[in-house]
Amino acid sequence: MLKAAAFALSLAACGHPAYADAPRCTSLEKAQKAAGKGTTITAVSRAQFYVLTGMYLRDPQTPEGLPPGDGALILARDDDGAGLILWTRGSLACDPWPIGDAKKLLKLLAEVKRGDGDGL
């Protein structure tokens, strides 16, 4: 599970619980600063974003509809691998989505075709 202290970013970045009715966003710069040292931030390709969107849609804990962004960043704590996904809209980071083992997810996504290709 995510440690509350390790990911205060989920509250600091957006100022509300991750699953409120309307997405809340903050600047990517502010989100990156809130992540702090000891956190690896990885941008995902378009194909990888589609995989994450499918995961989001299948998660019974997420609100109905598509994720609140057109891109994503994966934040992984270097010490324990716990992480979250920040949905991105241009230069904004929106509604953090907690994930368990970010390093495991990154390994899975590495198998997905990179770039803006037309499939997996």
N, C-alpha and C. Protein backbone atom coordinates (compact mmCIF):
# COMPACT_ATOMS: atom_id res chain seq x y z
N MET A 1 0.84 -1.19 0.00
CA MET A 1 0.00 0.00 0.00
C MET A 1 0.88 1.25 0.00
N LEU A 2 0.30 2.30 -0.46
CA LEU A 2 1.03 3.56 -0.47
C LEU A 2 1.16 4.09 0.94
N LYS A 3 2.32 4.60 1.25
CA LYS A 3 2.52 5.24 2.54
C LYS A 3 2.04 6.67 2.42
N ALA A 4 1.23 7.10 3.36
CA ALA A 4 0.66 8.45 3.30
C ALA A 4 1.74 9.51 3.21
N ALA A 5 2.79 9.37 3.99
CA ALA A 5 3.85 10.38 3.97
C ALA A 5 4.63 10.34 2.66
N ALA A 6 4.79 9.16 2.09
CA ALA A 6 5.56 9.02 0.86
C ALA A 6 4.86 9.66 -0.32
N PHE A 7 3.56 9.69 -0.28
CA PHE A 7 2.84 10.28 -1.40
C PHE A 7 1.86 11.35 -0.96
N ALA A 8 2.34 12.28 -0.19
CA ALA A 8 1.54 13.45 0.15
C ALA A 8 1.22 14.21 -1.13
N LEU A 9 1.92 13.86 -2.19
CA LEU A 9 1.69 14.48 -3.49
C LEU A 9 0.23 14.35 -3.93
N SER A 10 -0.40 13.24 -3.62
CA SER A 10 -1.77 13.06 -4.07
C SER A 10 -2.70 14.15 -3.54
N LEU A 11 -2.36 14.69 -2.38
CA LEU A 11 -3.13 15.81 -1.86
C LEU A 11 -2.49 17.14 -2.21
N ALA A 12 -1.17 17.20 -2.13
CA ALA A 12 -0.47 18.45 -2.39
C ALA A 12 -0.61 18.89 -3.84
N ALA A 13 -0.58 17.95 -4.74
CA ALA A 13 -0.61 18.30 -6.16
C ALA A 13 -1.97 18.83 -6.59
N CYS A 14 -3.03 18.26 -6.04
CA CYS A 14 -4.35 18.64 -6.53
C CYS A 14 -5.27 19.19 -5.46
N GLY A 15 -4.90 19.04 -4.21
CA GLY A 15 -5.66 19.65 -3.13
C GLY A 15 -7.00 19.01 -2.83
N HIS A 16 -7.19 17.76 -3.21
CA HIS A 16 -8.45 17.08 -2.92
C HIS A 16 -8.26 15.59 -3.08
N PRO A 17 -9.22 14.77 -2.61
CA PRO A 17 -9.11 13.33 -2.82
C PRO A 17 -9.07 13.02 -4.31
N ALA A 18 -8.45 11.91 -4.66
CA ALA A 18 -8.20 11.57 -6.06
C ALA A 18 -9.48 11.38 -6.87
N TYR A 19 -10.59 11.06 -6.25
CA TYR A 19 -11.77 10.73 -7.04
C TYR A 19 -12.95 11.66 -6.77
N ALA A 20 -12.73 12.93 -6.85
CA ALA A 20 -13.81 13.89 -6.72
C ALA A 20 -14.57 13.96 -8.04
N ASP A 21 -15.72 14.61 -8.07
CA ASP A 21 -16.54 14.67 -9.27
C ASP A 21 -15.84 15.37 -10.43
N ALA A 22 -15.28 16.52 -10.20
CA ALA A 22 -14.61 17.26 -11.27
C ALA A 22 -13.10 17.15 -11.07
N PRO A 23 -12.36 16.91 -12.15
CA PRO A 23 -10.91 16.81 -11.98
C PRO A 23 -10.30 18.13 -11.54
N ARG A 24 -9.31 18.04 -10.68
CA ARG A 24 -8.56 19.20 -10.23
C ARG A 24 -7.16 19.05 -10.77
N CYS A 25 -6.61 20.11 -11.21
CA CYS A 25 -5.29 20.07 -11.83
C CYS A 25 -4.36 21.11 -11.21
N THR A 26 -3.07 20.87 -11.35
CA THR A 26 -2.05 21.80 -10.93
C THR A 26 -0.96 21.78 -11.99
N SER A 27 -0.02 22.68 -11.92
CA SER A 27 1.04 22.71 -12.92
C SER A 27 1.94 21.48 -12.76
N LEU A 28 2.48 21.01 -13.88
CA LEU A 28 3.42 19.90 -13.83
C LEU A 28 4.63 20.25 -12.97
N GLU A 29 5.06 21.48 -13.05
CA GLU A 29 6.21 21.92 -12.26
C GLU A 29 5.94 21.76 -10.77
N LYS A 30 4.76 22.19 -10.33
CA LYS A 30 4.40 22.07 -8.92
C LYS A 30 4.30 20.59 -8.51
N ALA A 31 3.73 19.77 -9.37
CA ALA A 31 3.61 18.35 -9.07
C ALA A 31 4.98 17.69 -8.96
N GLN A 32 5.89 18.04 -9.86
CA GLN A 32 7.23 17.47 -9.82
C GLN A 32 7.98 17.89 -8.56
N LYS A 33 7.82 19.14 -8.14
CA LYS A 33 8.45 19.60 -6.90
C LYS A 33 7.86 18.87 -5.70
N ALA A 34 6.54 18.66 -5.70
CA ALA A 34 5.88 17.97 -4.59
C ALA A 34 6.32 16.51 -4.50
N ALA A 35 6.67 15.91 -5.63
CA ALA A 35 7.11 14.52 -5.62
C ALA A 35 8.40 14.37 -4.82
N GLY A 36 9.25 15.36 -4.89
CA GLY A 36 10.46 15.37 -4.08
C GLY A 36 11.54 14.42 -4.56
N LYS A 37 12.64 14.44 -3.82
CA LYS A 37 13.75 13.54 -4.11
C LYS A 37 13.34 12.12 -3.80
N GLY A 38 13.95 11.18 -4.47
CA GLY A 38 13.63 9.78 -4.23
C GLY A 38 12.42 9.31 -4.99
N THR A 39 11.98 10.09 -5.95
CA THR A 39 10.84 9.71 -6.79
C THR A 39 11.27 9.79 -8.24
N THR A 40 11.04 8.71 -8.99
CA THR A 40 11.33 8.69 -10.41
C THR A 40 10.04 9.00 -11.16
N ILE A 41 10.11 9.94 -12.09
CA ILE A 41 8.95 10.34 -12.88
C ILE A 41 9.18 9.87 -14.31
N THR A 42 8.23 9.09 -14.83
CA THR A 42 8.35 8.53 -16.17
C THR A 42 7.14 8.94 -17.01
N ALA A 43 7.40 9.57 -18.16
CA ALA A 43 6.33 9.88 -19.10
C ALA A 43 6.00 8.62 -19.90
N VAL A 44 4.75 8.45 -20.26
CA VAL A 44 4.35 7.27 -21.04
C VAL A 44 4.07 7.67 -22.48
N SER A 45 4.27 6.72 -23.38
CA SER A 45 3.98 6.95 -24.79
C SER A 45 2.47 6.90 -25.03
N ARG A 46 2.06 7.24 -26.21
CA ARG A 46 0.63 7.22 -26.55
C ARG A 46 0.07 5.81 -26.39
N ALA A 47 0.78 4.80 -26.90
CA ALA A 47 0.31 3.41 -26.78
C ALA A 47 0.21 2.99 -25.31
N GLN A 48 1.19 3.38 -24.50
CA GLN A 48 1.17 3.06 -23.08
C GLN A 48 0.02 3.77 -22.38
N PHE A 49 -0.29 4.99 -22.82
CA PHE A 49 -1.42 5.73 -22.26
C PHE A 49 -2.72 4.96 -22.50
N TYR A 50 -2.86 4.37 -23.67
CA TYR A 50 -4.08 3.60 -23.97
C TYR A 50 -4.21 2.39 -23.04
N VAL A 51 -3.09 1.75 -22.72
CA VAL A 51 -3.12 0.64 -21.77
C VAL A 51 -3.57 1.13 -20.40
N LEU A 52 -3.01 2.25 -19.95
CA LEU A 52 -3.40 2.82 -18.65
C LEU A 52 -4.87 3.22 -18.64
N THR A 53 -5.36 3.75 -19.75
CA THR A 53 -6.77 4.12 -19.84
C THR A 53 -7.65 2.89 -19.66
N GLY A 54 -7.27 1.78 -20.28
CA GLY A 54 -8.02 0.54 -20.11
C GLY A 54 -8.03 0.06 -18.67
N MET A 55 -6.89 0.17 -18.00
CA MET A 55 -6.81 -0.20 -16.59
C MET A 55 -7.72 0.69 -15.75
N TYR A 56 -7.70 1.98 -16.05
CA TYR A 56 -8.51 2.96 -15.33
C TYR A 56 -10.01 2.63 -15.49
N LEU A 57 -10.40 2.32 -16.71
CA LEU A 57 -11.81 2.04 -16.99
C LEU A 57 -12.28 0.76 -16.30
N ARG A 58 -11.39 -0.20 -16.10
CA ARG A 58 -11.76 -1.47 -15.47
C ARG A 58 -11.70 -1.43 -13.95
N ASP A 59 -11.12 -0.39 -13.38
CA ASP A 59 -10.98 -0.29 -11.93
C ASP A 59 -12.31 0.17 -11.33
N PRO A 60 -12.92 -0.64 -10.48
CA PRO A 60 -14.21 -0.25 -9.89
C PRO A 60 -14.11 0.96 -8.95
N GLN A 61 -12.90 1.34 -8.55
CA GLN A 61 -12.71 2.47 -7.64
C GLN A 61 -12.69 3.81 -8.36
N THR A 62 -12.52 3.82 -9.67
CA THR A 62 -12.43 5.08 -10.40
C THR A 62 -13.82 5.54 -10.83
N PRO A 63 -13.98 6.84 -11.03
CA PRO A 63 -15.28 7.36 -11.47
C PRO A 63 -15.56 6.93 -12.91
N GLU A 64 -16.82 6.99 -13.30
CA GLU A 64 -17.18 6.64 -14.67
C GLU A 64 -16.54 7.61 -15.64
N GLY A 65 -16.30 7.13 -16.83
CA GLY A 65 -15.74 7.96 -17.87
C GLY A 65 -14.24 7.77 -18.03
N LEU A 66 -13.72 8.51 -18.96
CA LEU A 66 -12.29 8.44 -19.26
C LEU A 66 -11.46 9.15 -18.20
N PRO A 67 -10.18 8.84 -18.13
CA PRO A 67 -9.31 9.56 -17.19
C PRO A 67 -9.28 11.06 -17.53
N PRO A 68 -8.97 11.89 -16.55
CA PRO A 68 -9.01 13.34 -16.74
C PRO A 68 -7.75 13.90 -17.41
N GLY A 69 -7.36 13.35 -18.54
CA GLY A 69 -6.18 13.87 -19.23
C GLY A 69 -5.99 13.20 -20.57
N ASP A 70 -5.01 13.69 -21.31
CA ASP A 70 -4.70 13.11 -22.61
C ASP A 70 -3.30 12.51 -22.64
N GLY A 71 -2.68 12.41 -21.48
CA GLY A 71 -1.37 11.81 -21.30
C GLY A 71 -1.21 11.42 -19.85
N ALA A 72 -0.05 10.85 -19.52
CA ALA A 72 0.16 10.41 -18.14
C ALA A 72 1.63 10.38 -17.78
N LEU A 73 1.88 10.54 -16.49
CA LEU A 73 3.19 10.35 -15.89
C LEU A 73 3.05 9.30 -14.81
N ILE A 74 4.06 8.45 -14.68
CA ILE A 74 4.07 7.48 -13.59
C ILE A 74 5.14 7.92 -12.60
N LEU A 75 4.74 8.06 -11.34
CA LEU A 75 5.66 8.43 -10.27
C LEU A 75 5.92 7.19 -9.43
N ALA A 76 7.18 6.85 -9.25
CA ALA A 76 7.55 5.67 -8.47
C ALA A 76 8.54 6.06 -7.39
N ARG A 77 8.25 5.69 -6.16
CA ARG A 77 9.19 5.92 -5.06
C ARG A 77 10.37 4.99 -5.26
N ASP A 78 11.57 5.54 -5.20
CA ASP A 78 12.78 4.76 -5.42
C ASP A 78 12.98 3.70 -4.34
N ASP A 79 12.55 3.98 -3.10
CA ASP A 79 12.82 3.04 -2.00
C ASP A 79 11.89 1.83 -2.01
N ASP A 80 10.60 2.01 -2.20
CA ASP A 80 9.68 0.88 -2.09
C ASP A 80 8.88 0.59 -3.36
N GLY A 81 9.02 1.40 -4.39
CA GLY A 81 8.34 1.15 -5.66
C GLY A 81 6.88 1.57 -5.69
N ALA A 82 6.35 2.04 -4.56
CA ALA A 82 4.96 2.48 -4.54
C ALA A 82 4.82 3.67 -5.48
N GLY A 83 3.65 3.84 -6.05
CA GLY A 83 3.54 4.93 -7.00
C GLY A 83 2.13 5.41 -7.25
N LEU A 84 2.08 6.35 -8.18
CA LEU A 84 0.80 6.84 -8.64
C LEU A 84 0.93 7.35 -10.06
N ILE A 85 -0.21 7.47 -10.68
CA ILE A 85 -0.27 7.99 -12.04
C ILE A 85 -0.85 9.39 -11.96
N LEU A 86 -0.20 10.32 -12.63
CA LEU A 86 -0.74 11.66 -12.78
C LEU A 86 -1.22 11.79 -14.22
N TRP A 87 -2.47 12.07 -14.40
CA TRP A 87 -3.01 12.30 -15.73
C TRP A 87 -2.61 13.71 -16.14
N THR A 88 -2.17 13.87 -17.36
CA THR A 88 -1.69 15.18 -17.81
C THR A 88 -2.59 15.76 -18.90
N ARG A 89 -2.70 17.07 -18.86
CA ARG A 89 -3.40 17.87 -19.87
C ARG A 89 -2.47 19.01 -20.22
N GLY A 90 -1.73 18.86 -21.31
CA GLY A 90 -0.76 19.89 -21.65
C GLY A 90 0.24 20.05 -20.53
N SER A 91 0.30 21.25 -19.93
CA SER A 91 1.26 21.51 -18.85
C SER A 91 0.65 21.33 -17.47
N LEU A 92 -0.47 20.63 -17.37
CA LEU A 92 -1.14 20.40 -16.09
C LEU A 92 -1.08 18.93 -15.70
N ALA A 93 -1.05 18.67 -14.39
CA ALA A 93 -1.14 17.33 -13.83
C ALA A 93 -2.47 17.26 -13.07
N CYS A 94 -3.24 16.21 -13.34
CA CYS A 94 -4.59 16.11 -12.76
C CYS A 94 -4.80 14.80 -12.01
N ASP A 95 -5.69 14.84 -11.03
CA ASP A 95 -6.18 13.69 -10.26
C ASP A 95 -5.23 12.51 -10.15
N PRO A 96 -4.36 12.50 -9.16
CA PRO A 96 -3.46 11.36 -8.98
C PRO A 96 -4.25 10.07 -8.78
N TRP A 97 -3.79 8.99 -9.41
CA TRP A 97 -4.42 7.68 -9.30
C TRP A 97 -3.41 6.74 -8.65
N PRO A 98 -3.61 6.35 -7.40
CA PRO A 98 -2.67 5.47 -6.70
C PRO A 98 -2.56 4.11 -7.38
N ILE A 99 -1.33 3.64 -7.50
CA ILE A 99 -1.08 2.28 -7.99
C ILE A 99 -0.17 1.62 -6.98
N GLY A 100 -0.23 0.32 -6.91
CA GLY A 100 0.59 -0.39 -5.93
C GLY A 100 2.07 -0.36 -6.27
N ASP A 101 2.49 -1.27 -7.12
CA ASP A 101 3.90 -1.44 -7.46
C ASP A 101 4.18 -0.77 -8.80
N ALA A 102 4.66 0.46 -8.76
CA ALA A 102 4.91 1.21 -9.99
C ALA A 102 6.01 0.58 -10.82
N LYS A 103 7.00 -0.01 -10.16
CA LYS A 103 8.10 -0.62 -10.91
C LYS A 103 7.60 -1.82 -11.72
N LYS A 104 6.69 -2.58 -11.17
CA LYS A 104 6.09 -3.71 -11.89
C LYS A 104 5.29 -3.19 -13.09
N LEU A 105 4.54 -2.13 -12.89
CA LEU A 105 3.76 -1.54 -13.98
C LEU A 105 4.69 -1.02 -15.08
N LEU A 106 5.78 -0.38 -14.70
CA LEU A 106 6.73 0.13 -15.69
C LEU A 106 7.34 -1.01 -16.51
N LYS A 107 7.61 -2.15 -15.88
CA LYS A 107 8.12 -3.31 -16.62
C LYS A 107 7.09 -3.79 -17.64
N LEU A 108 5.83 -3.85 -17.22
CA LEU A 108 4.76 -4.26 -18.13
C LEU A 108 4.65 -3.29 -19.30
N LEU A 109 4.67 -2.00 -19.01
CA LEU A 109 4.52 -1.00 -20.06
C LEU A 109 5.71 -0.98 -21.02
N ALA A 110 6.87 -1.43 -20.55
CA ALA A 110 8.04 -1.49 -21.43
C ALA A 110 7.82 -2.46 -22.58
N GLU A 111 6.92 -3.40 -22.40
CA GLU A 111 6.61 -4.37 -23.44
C GLU A 111 5.64 -3.80 -24.48
N VAL A 112 5.02 -2.70 -24.16
CA VAL A 112 4.08 -2.07 -25.07
C VAL A 112 4.85 -1.26 -26.09
N LYS A 113 4.40 -1.30 -27.33
CA LYS A 113 5.07 -0.55 -28.39
C LYS A 113 5.24 0.91 -27.98
N ARG A 114 6.42 1.43 -28.15
CA ARG A 114 6.70 2.82 -27.80
C ARG A 114 6.35 3.73 -28.96
N GLY A 115 6.05 4.97 -28.63
CA GLY A 115 5.76 5.95 -29.68
C GLY A 115 4.28 6.12 -29.91
N ASP A 116 3.96 6.76 -31.00
CA ASP A 116 2.56 7.07 -31.32
C ASP A 116 2.00 6.10 -32.35
N GLY A 117 2.54 4.92 -32.40
CA GLY A 117 2.11 3.91 -33.37
C GLY A 117 0.65 3.57 -33.27
N ASP A 118 0.24 2.67 -34.11
CA ASP A 118 -1.17 2.37 -34.21
C ASP A 118 -1.56 1.10 -33.46
N GLY A 119 -0.80 0.68 -32.54
CA GLY A 119 -1.20 -0.50 -31.78
C GLY A 119 -0.15 -0.95 -30.81
N LEU A 120 -0.39 -2.12 -30.27
CA LEU A 120 0.54 -2.68 -29.29
C LEU A 120 1.54 -3.55 -29.97
